[in-house]
Amino acid sequence: MNHCAAYHRGNGGNAMDNSQNRKILVAYFSAQGATARAARAVAQAVGGTLFEIRPKEPYTDAISTGSIPKAA
């Protein structure tokens, strides 16, 4: 099982290895909140630290709601 943040080759491929010196960071970006909810669940399940990635400049409502006009 290869789950990016939780995977470490040194543990024989066991993504859920519970060694004492393991640190897991669950970094996420969520414009509308769905990814944030999923990231919180993952962080809780693996005992990880949650980190929100935020844009330097806030998105406009059109971007955050997904209502950007499509290119012709």
PDB file of N, CA and C in Angstrom:
ATOM      1  N   MET A   1       0.853  -1.161   0.000  1.00  0.00           N
ATOM      2  CA  MET A   1       0.000   0.000   0.000  1.00  0.00           C
ATOM      3  C   MET A   1       0.905   1.231   0.000  1.00  0.00           C
ATOM      4  N   ASN A   2       0.735   2.118  -0.969  1.00  0.00           N
ATOM      5  CA  ASN A   2       1.566   3.311  -1.083  1.00  0.00           C
ATOM      6  C   ASN A   2       0.700   4.549  -0.908  1.00  0.00           C
ATOM      7  N   HIS A   3       0.756   5.144   0.270  1.00  0.00           N
ATOM      8  CA  HIS A   3      -0.034   6.346   0.580  1.00  0.00           C
ATOM      9  C   HIS A   3       0.891   7.515   0.825  1.00  0.00           C
ATOM     10  N   CYS A   4       1.527   8.023  -0.184  1.00  0.00           N
ATOM     11  CA  CYS A   4       2.462   9.152  -0.161  1.00  0.00           C
ATOM     12  C   CYS A   4       2.996   9.520   1.217  1.00  0.00           C
ATOM     13  N   ALA A   5       2.223  10.247   2.006  1.00  0.00           N
ATOM     14  CA  ALA A   5       2.736  10.786   3.266  1.00  0.00           C
ATOM     15  C   ALA A   5       3.039   9.703   4.298  1.00  0.00           C
ATOM     16  N   ALA A   6       2.317   8.583   4.250  1.00  0.00           N
ATOM     17  CA  ALA A   6       2.505   7.561   5.274  1.00  0.00           C
ATOM     18  C   ALA A   6       3.444   6.450   4.832  1.00  0.00           C
ATOM     19  N   TYR A   7       3.871   6.443   3.611  1.00  0.00           N
ATOM     20  CA  TYR A   7       4.685   5.350   3.079  1.00  0.00           C
ATOM     21  C   TYR A   7       6.155   5.594   3.340  1.00  0.00           C
ATOM     22  N   HIS A   8       6.838   4.547   3.780  1.00  0.00           N
ATOM     23  CA  HIS A   8       8.269   4.637   4.031  1.00  0.00           C
ATOM     24  C   HIS A   8       8.900   3.299   3.677  1.00  0.00           C
ATOM     25  N   ARG A   9       9.827   3.289   2.720  1.00  0.00           N
ATOM     26  CA  ARG A   9      10.441   2.050   2.253  1.00  0.00           C
ATOM     27  C   ARG A   9      11.119   1.270   3.372  1.00  0.00           C
ATOM     28  N   GLY A  10      11.679   1.943   4.345  1.00  0.00           N
ATOM     29  CA  GLY A  10      12.423   1.278   5.406  1.00  0.00           C
ATOM     30  C   GLY A  10      11.590   0.364   6.283  1.00  0.00           C
ATOM     31  N   ASN A  11      10.272   0.431   6.199  1.00  0.00           N
ATOM     32  CA  ASN A  11       9.447  -0.419   7.048  1.00  0.00           C
ATOM     33  C   ASN A  11       8.863  -1.601   6.280  1.00  0.00           C
ATOM     34  N   GLY A  12       9.490  -1.969   5.186  1.00  0.00           N
ATOM     35  CA  GLY A  12       9.024  -3.114   4.417  1.00  0.00           C
ATOM     36  C   GLY A  12       7.762  -2.829   3.633  1.00  0.00           C
ATOM     37  N   GLY A  13       7.461  -1.561   3.416  1.00  0.00           N
ATOM     38  CA  GLY A  13       6.274  -1.206   2.641  1.00  0.00           C
ATOM     39  C   GLY A  13       5.023  -1.099   3.471  1.00  0.00           C
ATOM     40  N   ASN A  14       5.117  -1.283   4.801  1.00  0.00           N
ATOM     41  CA  ASN A  14       3.946  -1.189   5.661  1.00  0.00           C
ATOM     42  C   ASN A  14       3.640   0.276   5.935  1.00  0.00           C
ATOM     43  N   ALA A  15       2.615   0.805   5.314  1.00  0.00           N
ATOM     44  CA  ALA A  15       2.291   2.226   5.421  1.00  0.00           C
ATOM     45  C   ALA A  15       1.818   2.602   6.816  1.00  0.00           C
ATOM     46  N   MET A  16       1.361   1.662   7.594  1.00  0.00           N
ATOM     47  CA  MET A  16       0.833   1.966   8.914  1.00  0.00           C
ATOM     48  C   MET A  16       1.781   1.532  10.029  1.00  0.00           C
ATOM     49  N   ASP A  17       3.084   1.542   9.804  1.00  0.00           N
ATOM     50  CA  ASP A  17       4.075   1.191  10.804  1.00  0.00           C
ATOM     51  C   ASP A  17       3.972   2.160  11.977  1.00  0.00           C
ATOM     52  N   ASN A  18       3.948   1.653  13.191  1.00  0.00           N
ATOM     53  CA  ASN A  18       3.767   2.508  14.359  1.00  0.00           C
ATOM     54  C   ASN A  18       5.059   2.722  15.130  1.00  0.00           C
ATOM     55  N   SER A  19       6.189   2.909  14.465  1.00  0.00           N
ATOM     56  CA  SER A  19       7.452   3.133  15.151  1.00  0.00           C
ATOM     57  C   SER A  19       7.406   4.464  15.894  1.00  0.00           C
ATOM     58  N   GLN A  20       8.142   4.570  16.990  1.00  0.00           N
ATOM     59  CA  GLN A  20       8.114   5.743  17.864  1.00  0.00           C
ATOM     60  C   GLN A  20       8.672   7.005  17.218  1.00  0.00           C
ATOM     61  N   ASN A  21       9.616   6.903  16.286  1.00  0.00           N
ATOM     62  CA  ASN A  21      10.258   8.087  15.727  1.00  0.00           C
ATOM     63  C   ASN A  21       9.625   8.563  14.426  1.00  0.00           C
ATOM     64  N   ARG A  22       8.499   8.040  14.059  1.00  0.00           N
ATOM     65  CA  ARG A  22       7.810   8.415  12.829  1.00  0.00           C
ATOM     66  C   ARG A  22       7.017   9.694  13.034  1.00  0.00           C
ATOM     67  N   LYS A  23       7.113  10.611  12.070  1.00  0.00           N
ATOM     68  CA  LYS A  23       6.310  11.828  12.082  1.00  0.00           C
ATOM     69  C   LYS A  23       5.598  11.928  10.744  1.00  0.00           C
ATOM     70  N   ILE A  24       4.306  12.197  10.779  1.00  0.00           N
ATOM     71  CA  ILE A  24       3.518  12.301   9.558  1.00  0.00           C
ATOM     72  C   ILE A  24       2.913  13.693   9.479  1.00  0.00           C
ATOM     73  N   LEU A  25       3.111  14.337   8.341  1.00  0.00           N
ATOM     74  CA  LEU A  25       2.508  15.635   8.079  1.00  0.00           C
ATOM     75  C   LEU A  25       1.457  15.459   6.998  1.00  0.00           C
ATOM     76  N   VAL A  26       0.235  15.866   7.278  1.00  0.00           N
ATOM     77  CA  VAL A  26      -0.837  15.839   6.296  1.00  0.00           C
ATOM     78  C   VAL A  26      -1.057  17.287   5.866  1.00  0.00           C
ATOM     79  N   ALA A  27      -0.497  17.640   4.708  1.00  0.00           N
ATOM     80  CA  ALA A  27      -0.630  18.997   4.176  1.00  0.00           C
ATOM     81  C   ALA A  27      -1.737  18.997   3.134  1.00  0.00           C
ATOM     82  N   TYR A  28      -2.575  20.015   3.177  1.00  0.00           N
ATOM     83  CA  TYR A  28      -3.704  20.049   2.242  1.00  0.00           C
ATOM     84  C   TYR A  28      -3.994  21.468   1.800  1.00  0.00           C
ATOM     85  N   PHE A  29      -4.646  21.588   0.652  1.00  0.00           N
ATOM     86  CA  PHE A  29      -5.182  22.838   0.142  1.00  0.00           C
ATOM     87  C   PHE A  29      -6.642  22.588  -0.167  1.00  0.00           C
ATOM     88  N   SER A  30      -7.505  23.427   0.340  1.00  0.00           N
ATOM     89  CA  SER A  30      -8.939  23.221   0.146  1.00  0.00           C
ATOM     90  C   SER A  30      -9.626  24.553  -0.115  1.00  0.00           C
ATOM     91  N   ALA A  31     -10.132  24.725  -1.317  1.00  0.00           N
ATOM     92  CA  ALA A  31     -10.822  25.972  -1.666  1.00  0.00           C
ATOM     93  C   ALA A  31     -12.255  25.990  -1.130  1.00  0.00           C
ATOM     94  N   GLN A  32     -12.903  24.818  -1.074  1.00  0.00           N
ATOM     95  CA  GLN A  32     -14.315  24.771  -0.691  1.00  0.00           C
ATOM     96  C   GLN A  32     -14.591  23.959   0.564  1.00  0.00           C
ATOM     97  N   GLY A  33     -13.566  23.329   1.147  1.00  0.00           N
ATOM     98  CA  GLY A  33     -13.758  22.618   2.407  1.00  0.00           C
ATOM     99  C   GLY A  33     -13.795  21.105   2.334  1.00  0.00           C
ATOM    100  N   ALA A  34     -14.058  20.518   1.173  1.00  0.00           N
ATOM    101  CA  ALA A  34     -14.137  19.057   1.078  1.00  0.00           C
ATOM    102  C   ALA A  34     -12.785  18.411   1.352  1.00  0.00           C
ATOM    103  N   THR A  35     -11.729  18.966   0.794  1.00  0.00           N
ATOM    104  CA  THR A  35     -10.396  18.406   1.013  1.00  0.00           C
ATOM    105  C   THR A  35      -9.974  18.599   2.463  1.00  0.00           C
ATOM    106  N   ALA A  36     -10.366  19.705   3.077  1.00  0.00           N
ATOM    107  CA  ALA A  36     -10.044  19.943   4.490  1.00  0.00           C
ATOM    108  C   ALA A  36     -10.652  18.864   5.374  1.00  0.00           C
ATOM    109  N   ARG A  37     -11.903  18.500   5.108  1.00  0.00           N
ATOM    110  CA  ARG A  37     -12.559  17.455   5.900  1.00  0.00           C
ATOM    111  C   ARG A  37     -11.846  16.113   5.726  1.00  0.00           C
ATOM    112  N   ALA A  38     -11.480  15.800   4.487  1.00  0.00           N
ATOM    113  CA  ALA A  38     -10.775  14.543   4.228  1.00  0.00           C
ATOM    114  C   ALA A  38      -9.398  14.544   4.898  1.00  0.00           C
ATOM    115  N   ALA A  39      -8.692  15.673   4.830  1.00  0.00           N
ATOM    116  CA  ALA A  39      -7.367  15.776   5.442  1.00  0.00           C
ATOM    117  C   ALA A  39      -7.446  15.608   6.952  1.00  0.00           C
ATOM    118  N   ARG A  40      -8.454  16.187   7.587  1.00  0.00           N
ATOM    119  CA  ARG A  40      -8.623  16.021   9.041  1.00  0.00           C
ATOM    120  C   ARG A  40      -8.828  14.561   9.390  1.00  0.00           C
ATOM    121  N   ALA A  41      -9.626  13.862   8.597  1.00  0.00           N
ATOM    122  CA  ALA A  41      -9.873  12.442   8.854  1.00  0.00           C
ATOM    123  C   ALA A  41      -8.600  11.625   8.689  1.00  0.00           C
ATOM    124  N   VAL A  42      -7.820  11.921   7.658  1.00  0.00           N
ATOM    125  CA  VAL A  42      -6.557  11.206   7.435  1.00  0.00           C
ATOM    126  C   VAL A  42      -5.591  11.473   8.580  1.00  0.00           C
ATOM    127  N   ALA A  43      -5.439  12.736   8.963  1.00  0.00           N
ATOM    128  CA  ALA A  43      -4.519  13.086  10.049  1.00  0.00           C
ATOM    129  C   ALA A  43      -4.896  12.380  11.347  1.00  0.00           C
ATOM    130  N   GLN A  44      -6.179  12.325  11.616  1.00  0.00           N
ATOM    131  CA  GLN A  44      -6.635  11.634  12.821  1.00  0.00           C
ATOM    132  C   GLN A  44      -6.372  10.132  12.734  1.00  0.00           C
ATOM    133  N   ALA A  45      -6.616   9.540  11.581  1.00  0.00           N
ATOM    134  CA  ALA A  45      -6.438   8.098  11.405  1.00  0.00           C
ATOM    135  C   ALA A  45      -4.982   7.661  11.529  1.00  0.00           C
ATOM    136  N   VAL A  46      -4.058   8.494  11.066  1.00  0.00           N
ATOM    137  CA  VAL A  46      -2.642   8.107  11.083  1.00  0.00           C
ATOM    138  C   VAL A  46      -1.859   8.777  12.200  1.00  0.00           C
ATOM    139  N   GLY A  47      -2.525   9.613  13.000  1.00  0.00           N
ATOM    140  CA  GLY A  47      -1.838  10.299  14.082  1.00  0.00           C
ATOM    141  C   GLY A  47      -0.904  11.378  13.573  1.00  0.00           C
ATOM    142  N   GLY A  48      -1.270  12.021  12.469  1.00  0.00           N
ATOM    143  CA  GLY A  48      -0.410  13.018  11.848  1.00  0.00           C
ATOM    144  C   GLY A  48      -0.732  14.437  12.266  1.00  0.00           C
ATOM    145  N   THR A  49       0.158  15.328  11.885  1.00  0.00           N
ATOM    146  CA  THR A  49      -0.019  16.749  12.113  1.00  0.00           C
ATOM    147  C   THR A  49      -0.669  17.353  10.879  1.00  0.00           C
ATOM    148  N   LEU A  50      -1.682  18.157  11.087  1.00  0.00           N
ATOM    149  CA  LEU A  50      -2.432  18.765   9.985  1.00  0.00           C
ATOM    150  C   LEU A  50      -1.846  20.132   9.654  1.00  0.00           C
ATOM    151  N   PHE A  51      -1.657  20.404   8.354  1.00  0.00           N
ATOM    152  CA  PHE A  51      -1.119  21.684   7.905  1.00  0.00           C
ATOM    153  C   PHE A  51      -1.911  22.167   6.709  1.00  0.00           C
ATOM    154  N   GLU A  52      -2.522  23.343   6.843  1.00  0.00           N
ATOM    155  CA  GLU A  52      -3.305  23.920   5.748  1.00  0.00           C
ATOM    156  C   GLU A  52      -2.408  24.789   4.875  1.00  0.00           C
ATOM    157  N   ILE A  53      -2.435  24.569   3.573  1.00  0.00           N
ATOM    158  CA  ILE A  53      -1.715  25.395   2.605  1.00  0.00           C
ATOM    159  C   ILE A  53      -2.690  26.473   2.139  1.00  0.00           C
ATOM    160  N   ARG A  54      -2.297  27.720   2.303  1.00  0.00           N
ATOM    161  CA  ARG A  54      -3.175  28.840   1.932  1.00  0.00           C
ATOM    162  C   ARG A  54      -2.531  29.657   0.818  1.00  0.00           C
ATOM    163  N   PRO A  55      -3.355  30.200  -0.089  1.00  0.00           N
ATOM    164  CA  PRO A  55      -2.790  31.061  -1.140  1.00  0.00           C
ATOM    165  C   PRO A  55      -2.307  32.382  -0.535  1.00  0.00           C
ATOM    166  N   LYS A  56      -1.265  32.943  -1.113  1.00  0.00           N
ATOM    167  CA  LYS A  56      -0.749  34.228  -0.637  1.00  0.00           C
ATOM    168  C   LYS A  56      -1.815  35.310  -0.777  1.00  0.00           C
ATOM    169  N   GLU A  57      -2.487  35.301  -1.924  1.00  0.00           N
ATOM    170  CA  GLU A  57      -3.602  36.217  -2.185  1.00  0.00           C
ATOM    171  C   GLU A  57      -4.887  35.396  -2.206  1.00  0.00           C
ATOM    172  N   PRO A  58      -5.923  35.827  -1.469  1.00  0.00           N
ATOM    173  CA  PRO A  58      -7.182  35.069  -1.459  1.00  0.00           C
ATOM    174  C   PRO A  58      -7.774  34.938  -2.864  1.00  0.00           C
ATOM    175  N   TYR A  59      -8.381  33.796  -3.117  1.00  0.00           N
ATOM    176  CA  TYR A  59      -9.054  33.590  -4.396  1.00  0.00           C
ATOM    177  C   TYR A  59     -10.323  34.425  -4.474  1.00  0.00           C
ATOM    178  N   THR A  60     -10.710  34.769  -5.702  1.00  0.00           N
ATOM    179  CA  THR A  60     -11.981  35.464  -5.901  1.00  0.00           C
ATOM    180  C   THR A  60     -13.112  34.463  -5.695  1.00  0.00           C
ATOM    181  N   ASP A  61     -14.318  34.959  -5.539  1.00  0.00           N
ATOM    182  CA  ASP A  61     -15.472  34.071  -5.376  1.00  0.00           C
ATOM    183  C   ASP A  61     -15.637  33.153  -6.575  1.00  0.00           C
ATOM    184  N   ALA A  62     -15.340  33.656  -7.775  1.00  0.00           N
ATOM    185  CA  ALA A  62     -15.492  32.841  -8.986  1.00  0.00           C
ATOM    186  C   ALA A  62     -14.570  31.628  -8.943  1.00  0.00           C
ATOM    187  N   ILE A  63     -13.377  31.803  -8.443  1.00  0.00           N
ATOM    188  CA  ILE A  63     -12.444  30.678  -8.365  1.00  0.00           C
ATOM    189  C   ILE A  63     -12.848  29.733  -7.243  1.00  0.00           C
ATOM    190  N   SER A  64     -13.146  30.276  -6.065  1.00  0.00           N
ATOM    191  CA  SER A  64     -13.445  29.414  -4.922  1.00  0.00           C
ATOM    192  C   SER A  64     -14.755  28.655  -5.075  1.00  0.00           C
ATOM    193  N   THR A  65     -15.692  29.151  -5.871  1.00  0.00           N
ATOM    194  CA  THR A  65     -16.952  28.442  -6.075  1.00  0.00           C
ATOM    195  C   THR A  65     -16.938  27.557  -7.308  1.00  0.00           C
ATOM    196  N   GLY A  66     -15.875  27.662  -8.104  1.00  0.00           N
ATOM    197  CA  GLY A  66     -15.781  26.842  -9.295  1.00  0.00           C
ATOM    198  C   GLY A  66     -16.594  27.376 -10.464  1.00  0.00           C
ATOM    199  N   SER A  67     -16.988  28.648 -10.419  1.00  0.00           N
ATOM    200  CA  SER A  67     -17.823  29.200 -11.476  1.00  0.00           C
ATOM    201  C   SER A  67     -17.020  30.009 -12.497  1.00  0.00           C
ATOM    202  N   ILE A  68     -15.793  29.588 -12.740  1.00  0.00           N
ATOM    203  CA  ILE A  68     -14.942  30.273 -13.709  1.00  0.00           C
ATOM    204  C   ILE A  68     -15.434  29.913 -15.121  1.00  0.00           C
ATOM    205  N   PRO A  69     -15.631  30.911 -15.983  1.00  0.00           N
ATOM    206  CA  PRO A  69     -16.062  30.605 -17.345  1.00  0.00           C
ATOM    207  C   PRO A  69     -15.020  29.747 -18.081  1.00  0.00           C
ATOM    208  N   LYS A  70     -15.487  28.782 -18.822  1.00  0.00           N
ATOM    209  CA  LYS A  70     -14.594  27.913 -19.585  1.00  0.00           C
ATOM    210  C   LYS A  70     -14.090  28.629 -20.839  1.00  0.00           C
ATOM    211  N   ALA A  71     -12.849  28.331 -21.198  1.00  0.00           N
ATOM    212  CA  ALA A  71     -12.266  28.920 -22.415  1.00  0.00           C
ATOM    213  C   ALA A  71     -12.983  28.384 -23.640  1.00  0.00           C
ATOM    214  N   ALA A  72     -13.091  29.189 -24.664  1.00  0.00           N
ATOM    215  CA  ALA A  72     -13.789  28.793 -25.894  1.00  0.00           C
ATOM    216  C   ALA A  72     -12.957  27.842 -26.716  1.00  0.00           C
TER     217      ALA A  72
END
